[in-house]
């Protein structure tokens, strides 16, 4: 899976990073490298929140974690 990180200038010297495909996932940092590091944490927190809210109807047949490289 490929996601696009968009980085823009923010206020007070900060850079703002946001995933183009998932606009709810965003972060900030003082350098491009810091934004790149922080976006992974933001994405992880976003997915954890979605997992907690997921309550499917019907009988679950299987649950399996997948890793996308």
N, C-alpha and C. Protein backbone atom coordinates (compact mmCIF):
# COMPACT_ATOMS: atom_id res chain seq x y z
N UNK A 1 0.85 -1.16 0.00
CA UNK A 1 0.00 0.00 0.00
C UNK A 1 0.89 1.23 0.00
N UNK A 2 0.54 2.20 -0.79
CA UNK A 2 1.28 3.45 -0.87
C UNK A 2 0.38 4.60 -0.46
N UNK A 3 0.87 5.41 0.46
CA UNK A 3 0.15 6.60 0.89
C UNK A 3 0.99 7.82 0.57
N UNK A 4 0.33 8.95 0.34
CA UNK A 4 1.01 10.18 -0.05
C UNK A 4 1.03 11.16 1.12
N UNK A 5 2.21 11.56 1.55
CA UNK A 5 2.37 12.54 2.61
C UNK A 5 2.54 13.91 1.98
N UNK A 6 1.64 14.83 2.31
CA UNK A 6 1.71 16.21 1.84
C UNK A 6 2.21 17.05 3.00
N UNK A 7 3.27 17.84 2.76
CA UNK A 7 3.84 18.68 3.82
C UNK A 7 3.71 20.14 3.40
N UNK A 8 3.17 20.94 4.32
CA UNK A 8 2.99 22.37 4.06
C UNK A 8 3.60 23.17 5.21
N UNK A 9 3.90 24.43 4.93
CA UNK A 9 4.40 25.31 5.97
C UNK A 9 3.27 25.67 6.92
N UNK A 10 3.55 25.60 8.20
CA UNK A 10 2.59 26.00 9.22
C UNK A 10 3.04 27.28 9.89
N UNK A 11 2.55 27.50 11.09
CA UNK A 11 2.90 28.71 11.84
C UNK A 11 4.08 28.44 12.75
N UNK A 12 4.78 29.52 13.10
CA UNK A 12 5.88 29.48 14.07
C UNK A 12 6.98 28.50 13.70
N UNK A 13 7.24 28.34 12.41
CA UNK A 13 8.33 27.49 11.95
C UNK A 13 8.01 26.02 11.84
N UNK A 14 6.78 25.64 12.16
CA UNK A 14 6.39 24.23 12.08
C UNK A 14 5.97 23.87 10.67
N UNK A 15 6.14 22.59 10.35
CA UNK A 15 5.64 22.02 9.11
C UNK A 15 4.46 21.12 9.47
N UNK A 16 3.46 21.10 8.61
CA UNK A 16 2.27 20.28 8.83
C UNK A 16 2.26 19.18 7.78
N UNK A 17 2.13 17.94 8.23
CA UNK A 17 2.06 16.80 7.32
C UNK A 17 0.70 16.15 7.40
N UNK A 18 0.16 15.76 6.25
CA UNK A 18 -1.17 15.15 6.18
C UNK A 18 -1.16 14.08 5.09
N UNK A 19 -1.82 12.95 5.37
CA UNK A 19 -1.93 11.91 4.35
C UNK A 19 -3.03 12.26 3.37
N UNK A 20 -2.69 12.31 2.11
CA UNK A 20 -3.63 12.69 1.07
C UNK A 20 -4.82 11.73 1.01
N UNK A 21 -4.56 10.45 1.16
CA UNK A 21 -5.61 9.44 1.06
C UNK A 21 -6.44 9.32 2.35
N UNK A 22 -5.92 9.83 3.45
CA UNK A 22 -6.61 9.80 4.76
C UNK A 22 -6.44 11.16 5.42
N UNK A 23 -7.22 12.14 5.02
CA UNK A 23 -7.03 13.51 5.52
C UNK A 23 -7.14 13.66 7.04
N UNK A 24 -7.77 12.73 7.71
CA UNK A 24 -7.88 12.80 9.17
C UNK A 24 -6.55 12.48 9.85
N UNK A 25 -5.59 11.98 9.11
CA UNK A 25 -4.28 11.64 9.66
C UNK A 25 -3.31 12.77 9.34
N UNK A 26 -2.91 13.50 10.38
CA UNK A 26 -1.99 14.62 10.19
C UNK A 26 -1.11 14.79 11.41
N UNK A 27 -0.03 15.54 11.24
CA UNK A 27 0.93 15.76 12.32
C UNK A 27 1.71 17.03 12.04
N UNK A 28 2.67 17.32 12.89
CA UNK A 28 3.52 18.48 12.68
C UNK A 28 4.94 18.16 13.11
N UNK A 29 5.86 19.01 12.73
CA UNK A 29 7.25 18.86 13.13
C UNK A 29 8.04 20.07 12.68
N UNK A 30 9.26 20.18 13.17
CA UNK A 30 10.11 21.32 12.80
C UNK A 30 10.92 21.05 11.54
N UNK A 31 11.06 19.76 11.18
CA UNK A 31 11.80 19.39 9.97
C UNK A 31 10.97 18.39 9.17
N UNK A 32 11.33 18.22 7.92
CA UNK A 32 10.65 17.24 7.07
C UNK A 32 10.84 15.84 7.66
N UNK A 33 12.03 15.54 8.13
CA UNK A 33 12.29 14.21 8.71
C UNK A 33 11.42 13.97 9.94
N UNK A 34 11.25 14.99 10.78
CA UNK A 34 10.41 14.85 11.98
C UNK A 34 8.96 14.60 11.59
N UNK A 35 8.48 15.30 10.57
CA UNK A 35 7.11 15.09 10.10
C UNK A 35 6.95 13.66 9.58
N UNK A 36 7.94 13.18 8.83
CA UNK A 36 7.88 11.82 8.30
C UNK A 36 7.84 10.79 9.42
N UNK A 37 8.61 11.01 10.47
CA UNK A 37 8.60 10.09 11.62
C UNK A 37 7.26 10.16 12.35
N UNK A 38 6.75 11.36 12.55
CA UNK A 38 5.52 11.55 13.32
C UNK A 38 4.28 11.03 12.61
N UNK A 39 4.28 11.03 11.28
CA UNK A 39 3.07 10.62 10.56
C UNK A 39 2.76 9.15 10.81
N UNK A 40 3.78 8.34 11.03
CA UNK A 40 3.55 6.92 11.31
C UNK A 40 2.82 6.75 12.64
N UNK A 41 3.21 7.54 13.65
CA UNK A 41 2.51 7.50 14.94
C UNK A 41 1.06 7.95 14.79
N UNK A 42 0.85 8.99 14.01
CA UNK A 42 -0.51 9.50 13.79
C UNK A 42 -1.38 8.46 13.10
N UNK A 43 -0.83 7.79 12.10
CA UNK A 43 -1.57 6.76 11.39
C UNK A 43 -1.90 5.60 12.33
N UNK A 44 -0.95 5.20 13.15
CA UNK A 44 -1.19 4.10 14.09
C UNK A 44 -2.31 4.46 15.07
N UNK A 45 -2.30 5.67 15.62
CA UNK A 45 -3.35 6.10 16.54
C UNK A 45 -4.71 6.16 15.85
N UNK A 46 -4.72 6.63 14.62
CA UNK A 46 -5.96 6.71 13.84
C UNK A 46 -6.55 5.31 13.64
N UNK A 47 -5.71 4.35 13.26
CA UNK A 47 -6.20 2.99 13.02
C UNK A 47 -6.64 2.31 14.32
N UNK A 48 -5.94 2.57 15.41
CA UNK A 48 -6.37 2.03 16.71
C UNK A 48 -7.76 2.54 17.08
N UNK A 49 -8.00 3.82 16.85
CA UNK A 49 -9.30 4.41 17.15
C UNK A 49 -10.40 3.78 16.30
N UNK A 50 -10.14 3.55 15.03
CA UNK A 50 -11.12 2.92 14.15
C UNK A 50 -11.40 1.49 14.61
N UNK A 51 -10.35 0.76 15.01
CA UNK A 51 -10.52 -0.63 15.49
C UNK A 51 -11.44 -0.66 16.71
N UNK A 52 -11.27 0.29 17.63
CA UNK A 52 -12.10 0.33 18.84
C UNK A 52 -13.56 0.60 18.52
N UNK A 53 -13.82 1.33 17.45
CA UNK A 53 -15.19 1.68 17.07
C UNK A 53 -15.86 0.63 16.20
N UNK A 54 -15.12 -0.37 15.76
CA UNK A 54 -15.63 -1.37 14.81
C UNK A 54 -16.43 -2.43 15.54
N UNK A 55 -17.71 -2.51 15.22
CA UNK A 55 -18.60 -3.50 15.81
C UNK A 55 -19.47 -4.11 14.70
N UNK A 56 -18.93 -5.12 13.99
CA UNK A 56 -19.66 -5.68 12.86
C UNK A 56 -20.88 -6.49 13.31
N UNK A 57 -21.85 -6.53 12.42
CA UNK A 57 -23.02 -7.37 12.67
C UNK A 57 -22.76 -8.75 12.08
N UNK A 58 -23.43 -9.74 12.59
CA UNK A 58 -23.29 -11.09 12.06
C UNK A 58 -22.20 -11.88 12.76
N UNK A 59 -22.11 -13.14 12.41
CA UNK A 59 -21.15 -14.05 13.02
C UNK A 59 -19.77 -13.87 12.39
N UNK A 60 -18.77 -13.65 13.21
CA UNK A 60 -17.42 -13.49 12.71
C UNK A 60 -16.83 -14.87 12.40
N UNK A 61 -16.33 -15.04 11.20
CA UNK A 61 -15.74 -16.31 10.80
C UNK A 61 -14.25 -16.36 11.08
N UNK A 62 -13.60 -15.20 10.95
CA UNK A 62 -12.15 -15.18 11.12
C UNK A 62 -11.70 -13.75 11.34
N UNK A 63 -10.63 -13.60 12.13
CA UNK A 63 -9.99 -12.31 12.32
C UNK A 63 -8.50 -12.54 12.18
N UNK A 64 -7.85 -11.72 11.37
CA UNK A 64 -6.44 -11.93 11.09
C UNK A 64 -5.77 -10.58 10.85
N UNK A 65 -4.61 -10.37 11.45
CA UNK A 65 -3.85 -9.15 11.21
C UNK A 65 -3.04 -9.31 9.93
N UNK A 66 -3.04 -8.27 9.11
CA UNK A 66 -2.27 -8.25 7.87
C UNK A 66 -1.22 -7.16 7.94
N UNK A 67 -0.08 -7.41 7.35
CA UNK A 67 0.98 -6.42 7.30
C UNK A 67 1.22 -6.04 5.85
N UNK A 68 1.14 -4.76 5.56
CA UNK A 68 1.38 -4.28 4.21
C UNK A 68 2.78 -3.68 4.15
N UNK A 69 3.57 -4.16 3.22
CA UNK A 69 4.95 -3.65 3.11
C UNK A 69 5.06 -2.65 2.01
